[in-house]
Structures are given as structure tokens and as C-alpha cells.
Amino acid sequence: METTRAVQDYLKAIYALQTAGGAVVNARLAQRLGISPPSVSAMIRRLEVGALVRRLPSGELVLTALGEAQALRTVRRHRLIETLLYRCLGVPWDEVHDEAEVLEHAISARLEDRIATALGHPSHDPHGDPIPPRDGVHEEGWPRPLDSAPEGASVVVERVSDRNADVLRHLAEIGVVPGTVLGVEQRVPFGGPLWVRVAGVRHALGDVLVGSIFGSVQDKELENSGAMGAIPEGEDRCAFNADTAADRAGSQPLAEVQL
């Protein structure tokens, strides 16, 4: 079947739900995409006919090998574009997701390869999401959720959900990005916040914030070591710069160099 923008969006959404855990059913898919259940049902029938999705006897949806391959191509482009926007254009990490949602459908495979080369073939996007390779096996695996860490643990943030721009903006303001070490200090009972320490400062995180953070528990001495993976302000964040562009394109101005 023709790989339209809608098909790419559906396959990517099914892949995201499938890898995050839990059964992928029409209702969850409709909620994630913001589309009516009848419209989702109609598209799923098309995807089944196109051998991109199959439905298990339980009603759960799973991607076929062909469907997963197409989903990963879109995921790769999305995360490469996010990285390009963040590193090279200075777009804040809370804005790159929405921009990439549009651009992922517009670039060619050739431009995708050139973006990857210009960025130095990054392994992760600004939110810590792994970027699928051009070829070969991709491992999406999610780290442990922050709410599973015990009190007294030091957690290195590895991945932050990009589903909520307001959450991303707030976390950036308090210094919580991939590479940051959080000291888990106190879990207030009866629905209270989780108190964490970031670079020596205590912060109370509610359920929405806690549910957006994933990482690994580390040794105690790492607790106050600060952000290890964050890109400092003012640092050259793009591997493709004016000097390398001139080398590749003679005396052509950077604005005229085609990635």
C-alpha cells in the first residue's frame, strides 16, 4: 500500500505504544493520535490489508516485520531532525518534537543520510531516545522509571518523555536532562510529591513530572556530580560548521551548501 503521511503516523504510534509496554488496542491508538475510534478502525483495516499490522485473537494490534521496518524509518528521521534542530539551530528541546512531526514526512532518504553524517551519526536525540540505525538491529528498550527508584538512590537520567512540552520546559529549568544525576530523597505518602536533589538543590516532583523521567540507579557518590550529558550553553553544538562546509563546497557560502 502507499506510504502516506497518515500511514507513517499510525505505524509510528503503534510502535511507540508497543515498545512502551501494554496492549495496543484501537482505543489507546485513538487517544494517542487524537483521532475518533471509527477513523482508527478504518485505517487499521487498511493497514491489515497492506500487511503492515495484524490483530491477535485477543484484539491486540502488532506490527508485522514490514510495518516495523517502515515505522523505524519514520522514527529515525524524526529523532535525527530533533537532534539537528536542537544542536544546529538552537531550537529548545521542548519545541523540537512538534517541528519534527511535520518535517519527518518531507525529507528524502538522501537528505536523511546527509543529516546523520553532518551530526556525526548520533546515537540519541535530545530527549535521550535512541536513534534507529540506517541498517541493522534497533533496541528501543526503556530504562527504569524514576518512580521505581528507592529513597536514597542516585539516578542518572537517561531518557525523558517528549509528549508534553510544558513538562520538558520545566524540567530543563530545574536542570533535569539526560545525563543529570538525581538524588532521590523522600517520597511523600498519600499522593504527595517525590523530593529529589539536582546539583545540590531540592525539588518536589509531582506524578506527571516523575512519570516522564527514566534512568538507571548509580552509586551514591554520583548523586551530586551534576549534568553529565547536557550540552553547555554557548558550546558549538553542530558537527557541521562553516569551515567544514567550505571545505566540501569550495568557496560556496554556508547558506548555499545543500545538506
Foldseek 3Di string as FASTA:
>chain_A
DDCDLVLLVQLLLLVVDVQVDDFAALVVSCVVVVHDSVVSVVVVVVCVVVQQWDADPVRGIDGDPVSNVSNLLLQLQLQLQQQCCCQPVVDDNLPSNVVSSVCSRPDDPVLSVVSCVFQVNDQGHFQLAGRDDPDDDDDRDFAAQQVVDDAQWKWQWRGFDNPHSVLSVVCVVVQDTHQWIKHFHDDDPDQFFTWIATLRRIDTHHPVNSRGTHTDTDDNVCRNVHGDPDDDPPDNRISNDQVVQCVVVPNDGPVPRDD
